[in-house]
């Protein structure tokens, strides 16, 4: 389950980073570096969806 959550978080933040004004995101080994604003509602929905088995 941890890997599913980790993947959901990283994928959502990377998706947000592609939007205009999105955060800069990079993964460094076991660290996630985020510089900028994050849409918390979208991040929560992505995490909930991964736990519930959604897309």
PDB file of N, CA and C in Angstrom:
ATOM      1  N   UNK A   1       0.817  -1.190   0.000  1.00  0.00           N
ATOM      2  CA  UNK A   1       0.000   0.000   0.000  1.00  0.00           C
ATOM      3  C   UNK A   1       0.862   1.256   0.000  1.00  0.00           C
ATOM      4  N   UNK A   2       1.976   1.234   0.704  1.00  0.00           N
ATOM      5  CA  UNK A   2       2.846   2.413   0.752  1.00  0.00           C
ATOM      6  C   UNK A   2       3.318   2.814  -0.638  1.00  0.00           C
ATOM      7  N   UNK A   3       3.655   1.837  -1.446  1.00  0.00           N
ATOM      8  CA  UNK A   3       4.132   2.136  -2.794  1.00  0.00           C
ATOM      9  C   UNK A   3       3.023   2.761  -3.628  1.00  0.00           C
ATOM     10  N   UNK A   4       1.789   2.279  -3.458  1.00  0.00           N
ATOM     11  CA  UNK A   4       0.653   2.855  -4.181  1.00  0.00           C
ATOM     12  C   UNK A   4       0.449   4.321  -3.814  1.00  0.00           C
ATOM     13  N   UNK A   5       0.532   4.619  -2.531  1.00  0.00           N
ATOM     14  CA  UNK A   5       0.370   5.998  -2.071  1.00  0.00           C
ATOM     15  C   UNK A   5       1.508   6.875  -2.576  1.00  0.00           C
ATOM     16  N   UNK A   6       2.706   6.365  -2.479  1.00  0.00           N
ATOM     17  CA  UNK A   6       3.886   7.112  -2.944  1.00  0.00           C
ATOM     18  C   UNK A   6       3.738   7.448  -4.429  1.00  0.00           C
ATOM     19  N   UNK A   7       3.338   6.462  -5.206  1.00  0.00           N
ATOM     20  CA  UNK A   7       3.160   6.655  -6.644  1.00  0.00           C
ATOM     21  C   UNK A   7       2.065   7.667  -6.934  1.00  0.00           C
ATOM     22  N   UNK A   8       0.942   7.571  -6.220  1.00  0.00           N
ATOM     23  CA  UNK A   8      -0.177   8.504  -6.431  1.00  0.00           C
ATOM     24  C   UNK A   8       0.245   9.938  -6.139  1.00  0.00           C
ATOM     25  N   UNK A   9       0.985  10.135  -5.072  1.00  0.00           N
ATOM     26  CA  UNK A   9       1.436  11.478  -4.693  1.00  0.00           C
ATOM     27  C   UNK A   9       2.384  12.040  -5.754  1.00  0.00           C
ATOM     28  N   UNK A  10       3.363  11.259  -6.137  1.00  0.00           N
ATOM     29  CA  UNK A  10       4.343  11.719  -7.118  1.00  0.00           C
ATOM     30  C   UNK A  10       3.673  12.013  -8.459  1.00  0.00           C
ATOM     31  N   UNK A  11       2.794  11.116  -8.910  1.00  0.00           N
ATOM     32  CA  UNK A  11       2.141  11.330 -10.202  1.00  0.00           C
ATOM     33  C   UNK A  11       1.259  12.574 -10.186  1.00  0.00           C
ATOM     34  N   UNK A  12       0.534  12.799  -9.089  1.00  0.00           N
ATOM     35  CA  UNK A  12      -0.324  13.982  -9.011  1.00  0.00           C
ATOM     36  C   UNK A  12       0.507  15.256  -8.977  1.00  0.00           C
ATOM     37  N   UNK A  13       1.571  15.260  -8.217  1.00  0.00           N
ATOM     38  CA  UNK A  13       2.403  16.457  -8.158  1.00  0.00           C
ATOM     39  C   UNK A  13       3.091  16.718  -9.502  1.00  0.00           C
ATOM     40  N   UNK A  14       3.489  15.669 -10.198  1.00  0.00           N
ATOM     41  CA  UNK A  14       4.081  15.845 -11.520  1.00  0.00           C
ATOM     42  C   UNK A  14       3.039  16.370 -12.505  1.00  0.00           C
ATOM     43  N   UNK A  15       1.789  15.904 -12.369  1.00  0.00           N
ATOM     44  CA  UNK A  15       0.716  16.412 -13.223  1.00  0.00           C
ATOM     45  C   UNK A  15       0.524  17.902 -12.977  1.00  0.00           C
ATOM     46  N   UNK A  16       0.498  18.284 -11.698  1.00  0.00           N
ATOM     47  CA  UNK A  16       0.331  19.685 -11.349  1.00  0.00           C
ATOM     48  C   UNK A  16       1.504  20.520 -11.863  1.00  0.00           C
ATOM     49  N   UNK A  17       2.686  19.945 -11.870  1.00  0.00           N
ATOM     50  CA  UNK A  17       3.870  20.701 -12.308  1.00  0.00           C
ATOM     51  C   UNK A  17       3.806  21.045 -13.790  1.00  0.00           C
ATOM     52  N   UNK A  18       3.021  20.303 -14.555  1.00  0.00           N
ATOM     53  CA  UNK A  18       2.886  20.561 -15.982  1.00  0.00           C
ATOM     54  C   UNK A  18       1.933  21.712 -16.272  1.00  0.00           C
ATOM     55  N   UNK A  19       1.134  22.107 -15.277  1.00  0.00           N
ATOM     56  CA  UNK A  19       0.207  23.218 -15.461  1.00  0.00           C
ATOM     57  C   UNK A  19       0.955  24.541 -15.345  1.00  0.00           C
ATOM     58  N   UNK A  20       0.414  25.563 -15.984  1.00  0.00           N
ATOM     59  CA  UNK A  20       1.004  26.889 -15.907  1.00  0.00           C
ATOM     60  C   UNK A  20       0.983  27.366 -14.454  1.00  0.00           C
ATOM     61  N   UNK A  21       2.131  27.713 -13.916  1.00  0.00           N
ATOM     62  CA  UNK A  21       2.221  28.162 -12.528  1.00  0.00           C
ATOM     63  C   UNK A  21       2.275  27.030 -11.515  1.00  0.00           C
ATOM     64  N   UNK A  22       2.383  25.790 -12.006  1.00  0.00           N
ATOM     65  CA  UNK A  22       2.445  24.644 -11.108  1.00  0.00           C
ATOM     66  C   UNK A  22       3.786  24.561 -10.398  1.00  0.00           C
ATOM     67  N   UNK A  23       3.873  23.729  -9.382  1.00  0.00           N
ATOM     68  CA  UNK A  23       5.112  23.604  -8.617  1.00  0.00           C
ATOM     69  C   UNK A  23       6.205  22.896  -9.412  1.00  0.00           C
ATOM     70  N   UNK A  24       7.440  23.189  -9.060  1.00  0.00           N
ATOM     71  CA  UNK A  24       8.577  22.452  -9.610  1.00  0.00           C
ATOM     72  C   UNK A  24       8.722  21.205  -8.744  1.00  0.00           C
ATOM     73  N   UNK A  25       8.761  20.038  -9.375  1.00  0.00           N
ATOM     74  CA  UNK A  25       8.790  18.776  -8.634  1.00  0.00           C
ATOM     75  C   UNK A  25       9.937  17.925  -9.152  1.00  0.00           C
ATOM     76  N   UNK A  26      10.688  17.358  -8.233  1.00  0.00           N
ATOM     77  CA  UNK A  26      11.701  16.374  -8.630  1.00  0.00           C
ATOM     78  C   UNK A  26      11.855  15.337  -7.513  1.00  0.00           C
ATOM     79  N   UNK A  27      12.178  14.135  -7.943  1.00  0.00           N
ATOM     80  CA  UNK A  27      12.381  13.024  -7.020  1.00  0.00           C
ATOM     81  C   UNK A  27      13.871  12.765  -6.943  1.00  0.00           C
ATOM     82  N   UNK A  28      14.392  12.744  -5.726  1.00  0.00           N
ATOM     83  CA  UNK A  28      15.814  12.481  -5.492  1.00  0.00           C
ATOM     84  C   UNK A  28      15.919  11.310  -4.525  1.00  0.00           C
ATOM     85  N   UNK A  29      16.155  10.131  -5.102  1.00  0.00           N
ATOM     86  CA  UNK A  29      16.221   8.891  -4.320  1.00  0.00           C
ATOM     87  C   UNK A  29      14.942   8.723  -3.521  1.00  0.00           C
ATOM     88  N   UNK A  30      15.007   8.830  -2.211  1.00  0.00           N
ATOM     89  CA  UNK A  30      13.814   8.640  -1.378  1.00  0.00           C
ATOM     90  C   UNK A  30      13.236   9.971  -0.895  1.00  0.00           C
ATOM     91  N   UNK A  31      13.558  11.052  -1.608  1.00  0.00           N
ATOM     92  CA  UNK A  31      13.079  12.399  -1.245  1.00  0.00           C
ATOM     93  C   UNK A  31      12.282  12.983  -2.404  1.00  0.00           C
ATOM     94  N   UNK A  32      11.269  13.752  -2.041  1.00  0.00           N
ATOM     95  CA  UNK A  32      10.476  14.485  -3.016  1.00  0.00           C
ATOM     96  C   UNK A  32      10.693  15.961  -2.747  1.00  0.00           C
ATOM     97  N   UNK A  33      11.166  16.675  -3.754  1.00  0.00           N
ATOM     98  CA  UNK A  33      11.449  18.100  -3.610  1.00  0.00           C
ATOM     99  C   UNK A  33      10.380  18.861  -4.392  1.00  0.00           C
ATOM    100  N   UNK A  34       9.621  19.721  -3.695  1.00  0.00           N
ATOM    101  CA  UNK A  34       8.546  20.484  -4.309  1.00  0.00           C
ATOM    102  C   UNK A  34       8.801  21.960  -4.020  1.00  0.00           C
ATOM    103  N   UNK A  35       8.811  22.763  -5.086  1.00  0.00           N
ATOM    104  CA  UNK A  35       9.007  24.189  -4.939  1.00  0.00           C
ATOM    105  C   UNK A  35       7.847  24.897  -5.620  1.00  0.00           C
ATOM    106  N   UNK A  36       6.924  25.427  -4.824  1.00  0.00           N
ATOM    107  CA  UNK A  36       5.769  26.132  -5.371  1.00  0.00           C
ATOM    108  C   UNK A  36       4.486  25.673  -4.720  1.00  0.00           C
ATOM    109  N   UNK A  37       3.395  26.232  -5.200  1.00  0.00           N
ATOM    110  CA  UNK A  37       2.074  25.941  -4.633  1.00  0.00           C
ATOM    111  C   UNK A  37       1.536  24.615  -5.143  1.00  0.00           C
ATOM    112  N   UNK A  38       0.885  23.888  -4.236  1.00  0.00           N
ATOM    113  CA  UNK A  38       0.289  22.598  -4.553  1.00  0.00           C
ATOM    114  C   UNK A  38      -1.220  22.708  -4.345  1.00  0.00           C
ATOM    115  N   UNK A  39      -1.988  22.184  -5.306  1.00  0.00           N
ATOM    116  CA  UNK A  39      -3.443  22.107  -5.159  1.00  0.00           C
ATOM    117  C   UNK A  39      -3.729  20.934  -4.223  1.00  0.00           C
ATOM    118  N   UNK A  40      -3.951  21.258  -2.963  1.00  0.00           N
ATOM    119  CA  UNK A  40      -4.105  20.231  -1.937  1.00  0.00           C
ATOM    120  C   UNK A  40      -5.341  19.366  -2.166  1.00  0.00           C
ATOM    121  N   UNK A  41      -6.446  19.963  -2.622  1.00  0.00           N
ATOM    122  CA  UNK A  41      -7.656  19.174  -2.880  1.00  0.00           C
ATOM    123  C   UNK A  41      -7.404  18.108  -3.940  1.00  0.00           C
ATOM    124  N   UNK A  42      -6.701  18.478  -5.003  1.00  0.00           N
ATOM    125  CA  UNK A  42      -6.390  17.499  -6.049  1.00  0.00           C
ATOM    126  C   UNK A  42      -5.457  16.413  -5.537  1.00  0.00           C
ATOM    127  N   UNK A  43      -4.508  16.791  -4.705  1.00  0.00           N
ATOM    128  CA  UNK A  43      -3.582  15.814  -4.139  1.00  0.00           C
ATOM    129  C   UNK A  43      -4.328  14.827  -3.240  1.00  0.00           C
ATOM    130  N   UNK A  44      -5.217  15.345  -2.407  1.00  0.00           N
ATOM    131  CA  UNK A  44      -6.007  14.476  -1.514  1.00  0.00           C
ATOM    132  C   UNK A  44      -6.861  13.520  -2.343  1.00  0.00           C
ATOM    133  N   UNK A  45      -7.505  14.032  -3.391  1.00  0.00           N
ATOM    134  CA  UNK A  45      -8.349  13.169  -4.232  1.00  0.00           C
ATOM    135  C   UNK A  45      -7.535  12.063  -4.898  1.00  0.00           C
ATOM    136  N   UNK A  46      -6.317  12.379  -5.323  1.00  0.00           N
ATOM    137  CA  UNK A  46      -5.454  11.375  -5.942  1.00  0.00           C
ATOM    138  C   UNK A  46      -5.078  10.292  -4.928  1.00  0.00           C
ATOM    139  N   UNK A  47      -4.791  10.687  -3.699  1.00  0.00           N
ATOM    140  CA  UNK A  47      -4.431   9.722  -2.654  1.00  0.00           C
ATOM    141  C   UNK A  47      -5.641   8.853  -2.297  1.00  0.00           C
ATOM    142  N   UNK A  48      -6.778   9.493  -2.104  1.00  0.00           N
ATOM    143  CA  UNK A  48      -8.010   8.741  -1.789  1.00  0.00           C
ATOM    144  C   UNK A  48      -8.338   7.779  -2.909  1.00  0.00           C
ATOM    145  N   UNK A  49      -8.201   8.235  -4.146  1.00  0.00           N
ATOM    146  CA  UNK A  49      -8.474   7.368  -5.292  1.00  0.00           C
ATOM    147  C   UNK A  49      -7.554   6.169  -5.343  1.00  0.00           C
ATOM    148  N   UNK A  50      -6.307   6.340  -4.964  1.00  0.00           N
ATOM    149  CA  UNK A  50      -5.374   5.213  -4.998  1.00  0.00           C
ATOM    150  C   UNK A  50      -5.702   4.207  -3.907  1.00  0.00           C
ATOM    151  N   UNK A  51      -6.192   4.679  -2.771  1.00  0.00           N
ATOM    152  CA  UNK A  51      -6.565   3.786  -1.679  1.00  0.00           C
ATOM    153  C   UNK A  51      -7.865   3.042  -2.020  1.00  0.00           C
ATOM    154  N   UNK A  52      -8.781   3.770  -2.674  1.00  0.00           N
ATOM    155  CA  UNK A  52     -10.079   3.195  -3.021  1.00  0.00           C
ATOM    156  C   UNK A  52     -10.014   2.346  -4.285  1.00  0.00           C
ATOM    157  N   UNK A  53      -8.876   2.381  -4.969  1.00  0.00           N
ATOM    158  CA  UNK A  53      -8.729   1.604  -6.188  1.00  0.00           C
ATOM    159  C   UNK A  53      -9.156   2.345  -7.433  1.00  0.00           C
ATOM    160  N   UNK A  54      -9.311   3.655  -7.342  1.00  0.00           N
ATOM    161  CA  UNK A  54      -9.706   4.469  -8.490  1.00  0.00           C
ATOM    162  C   UNK A  54      -8.553   4.741  -9.418  1.00  0.00           C
ATOM    163  N   UNK A  55      -8.826   5.520 -10.488  1.00  0.00           N
ATOM    164  CA  UNK A  55      -7.769   5.832 -11.459  1.00  0.00           C
ATOM    165  C   UNK A  55      -6.713   6.754 -10.910  1.00  0.00           C
TER     166      UNK A  55
END
